[in-house]
Amino acid sequence: MENLNTEELVNTLSNLTAPQLVALTKQLEEKWGVSATPQVSNVGSQTDQNDNKAPEQTEFSVSLVSFPPDKKMNLVKMVREQLGLGLLESKSLVESVPKVLKEGTTKEEAEALRAKFTEAGGVVEVK
């Protein structure tokens, strides 16, 4: 008898329209104090986060992105001083922004270069 009732219930539910099923779901949620939305389990998520952590970046690139026109000479001097380039190479580098100043540097060196070039008037990006 119990199987027959369950079977009849399944047949009845199968014949309901989508709006009727939505209304039934809401009624059951209210009556039973539950939610039909799927619950996301975070079991093992801490382990997954630790396992999927990207290796820490060890090499950085420093790029001169832009500068105000009145700071051009300061930046040419800074390029000569920091990168050891000649006057024409330094001028050409500054005039062709955005341009990578130095690649494969440590974080400390990249931040030091950023500070120096920012102080000289340039907009610098470290990647």
Protein backbone atom coordinates (compact mmCIF):
# COMPACT_ATOMS: atom_id res chain seq x y z
CA MET A 1 0.00 0.00 0.00
CA GLU A 2 2.84 2.40 0.85
CA ASN A 3 4.50 1.87 -2.54
CA LEU A 4 1.21 2.58 -4.29
CA ASN A 5 0.83 5.90 -2.46
CA THR A 6 4.40 6.87 -3.33
CA GLU A 7 3.82 5.87 -6.94
CA GLU A 8 0.61 7.90 -7.11
CA LEU A 9 2.41 10.87 -5.59
CA VAL A 10 5.20 10.65 -8.18
CA ASN A 11 2.64 10.45 -11.00
CA THR A 12 0.74 13.44 -9.62
CA LEU A 13 3.92 15.52 -9.27
CA SER A 14 5.00 14.54 -12.78
CA ASN A 15 1.80 16.05 -14.18
CA LEU A 16 2.32 19.46 -12.53
CA THR A 17 3.39 22.45 -14.60
CA ALA A 18 6.55 24.42 -13.83
CA PRO A 19 4.69 27.30 -12.09
CA GLN A 20 2.77 24.77 -10.00
CA LEU A 21 6.05 23.07 -8.99
CA VAL A 22 7.55 26.43 -8.00
CA ALA A 23 4.51 27.23 -5.86
CA LEU A 24 4.63 23.77 -4.26
CA THR A 25 8.32 24.18 -3.51
CA LYS A 26 7.70 27.53 -1.81
CA GLN A 27 4.86 26.10 0.25
CA LEU A 28 6.98 23.15 1.40
CA GLU A 29 9.90 25.44 2.25
CA GLU A 30 7.64 27.59 4.42
CA LYS A 31 5.89 24.66 6.06
CA TRP A 32 9.07 22.72 6.87
CA GLY A 33 11.37 25.73 7.41
CA VAL A 34 13.92 24.54 4.86
CA SER A 35 15.41 25.85 1.65
CA ALA A 36 15.51 24.04 -1.68
CA THR A 37 18.61 25.89 -2.81
CA PRO A 38 21.72 23.70 -3.01
CA GLN A 39 24.18 24.08 -0.16
CA VAL A 40 27.83 24.62 -1.02
CA SER A 41 30.11 22.52 1.10
CA ASN A 42 33.47 23.93 2.07
CA VAL A 43 34.83 20.62 3.32
CA GLY A 44 38.36 20.35 2.07
CA SER A 45 38.36 23.87 0.66
CA GLN A 46 41.16 24.92 2.98
CA THR A 47 43.32 22.06 1.71
CA ASP A 48 42.43 22.90 -1.89
CA GLN A 49 43.34 26.55 -1.38
CA ASN A 50 46.73 25.62 0.02
CA ASP A 51 47.42 23.10 -2.75
CA ASN A 52 46.38 25.47 -5.54
CA LYS A 53 48.33 28.46 -4.26
CA ALA A 54 50.41 29.92 -7.07
CA PRO A 55 54.13 30.10 -6.45
CA GLU A 56 55.26 33.48 -5.24
CA GLN A 57 56.59 35.72 -7.99
CA THR A 58 60.35 36.21 -7.70
CA GLU A 59 61.16 38.18 -10.85
CA PHE A 60 59.64 41.55 -11.69
CA SER A 61 59.64 43.96 -14.62
CA VAL A 62 59.76 47.72 -14.17
CA SER A 63 58.13 49.81 -16.91
CA LEU A 64 58.00 53.55 -17.47
CA VAL A 65 54.38 54.15 -18.46
CA SER A 66 54.15 57.93 -18.85
CA PHE A 67 55.48 61.26 -17.63
CA PRO A 68 54.64 64.96 -17.82
CA PRO A 69 56.58 66.82 -20.53
CA ASP A 70 58.36 69.04 -18.01
CA LYS A 71 59.90 65.98 -16.30
CA LYS A 72 61.50 64.54 -19.44
CA MET A 73 65.06 65.71 -18.67
CA ASN A 74 64.86 64.42 -15.09
CA LEU A 75 63.84 61.01 -16.41
CA VAL A 76 66.57 60.94 -19.06
CA LYS A 77 69.11 61.64 -16.31
CA MET A 78 67.57 58.95 -14.10
CA VAL A 79 67.70 56.38 -16.93
CA ARG A 80 71.38 57.19 -17.54
CA GLU A 81 72.16 56.93 -13.84
CA GLN A 82 70.15 53.77 -13.05
CA LEU A 83 70.56 51.77 -16.26
CA GLY A 84 74.00 52.94 -17.39
CA LEU A 85 72.87 53.95 -20.87
CA GLY A 86 74.30 56.76 -22.96
CA LEU A 87 72.54 60.07 -23.46
CA LEU A 88 70.96 59.20 -26.83
CA GLU A 89 69.83 55.74 -25.69
CA SER A 90 68.34 57.21 -22.51
CA LYS A 91 66.52 59.95 -24.43
CA SER A 92 65.20 57.43 -26.95
CA LEU A 93 63.96 55.12 -24.18
CA VAL A 94 62.15 57.92 -22.36
CA GLU A 95 60.55 59.19 -25.58
CA SER A 96 59.23 55.74 -26.48
CA VAL A 97 57.04 55.19 -23.40
CA PRO A 98 55.50 52.86 -22.39
CA LYS A 99 58.81 51.03 -22.20
CA VAL A 100 60.30 48.33 -19.98
CA LEU A 101 63.18 49.76 -18.00
CA LYS A 102 64.41 46.57 -16.38
CA GLU A 103 63.31 42.93 -16.44
CA GLY A 104 64.03 40.02 -14.11
CA THR A 105 64.74 42.10 -11.02
CA THR A 106 64.03 41.27 -7.41
CA LYS A 107 61.05 42.80 -5.66
CA GLU A 108 63.27 45.07 -3.57
CA GLU A 109 65.18 46.36 -6.61
CA ALA A 110 61.94 46.86 -8.56
CA GLU A 111 60.42 48.87 -5.72
CA ALA A 112 63.59 50.95 -5.39
CA LEU A 113 63.53 51.75 -9.12
CA ARG A 114 59.85 52.60 -8.94
CA ALA A 115 60.48 55.01 -6.08
CA LYS A 116 63.37 56.73 -7.87
CA PHE A 117 61.55 57.12 -11.19
CA THR A 118 58.35 58.25 -9.48
CA GLU A 119 60.33 60.86 -7.56
CA ALA A 120 61.81 62.03 -10.87
CA GLY A 121 58.28 62.55 -12.21
CA GLY A 122 57.50 59.35 -14.09
CA VAL A 123 54.59 56.96 -13.81
CA VAL A 124 56.10 53.53 -13.24
CA GLU A 125 54.51 50.10 -13.21
CA VAL A 126 55.95 46.96 -11.62
CA LYS A 127 54.72 43.61 -12.91
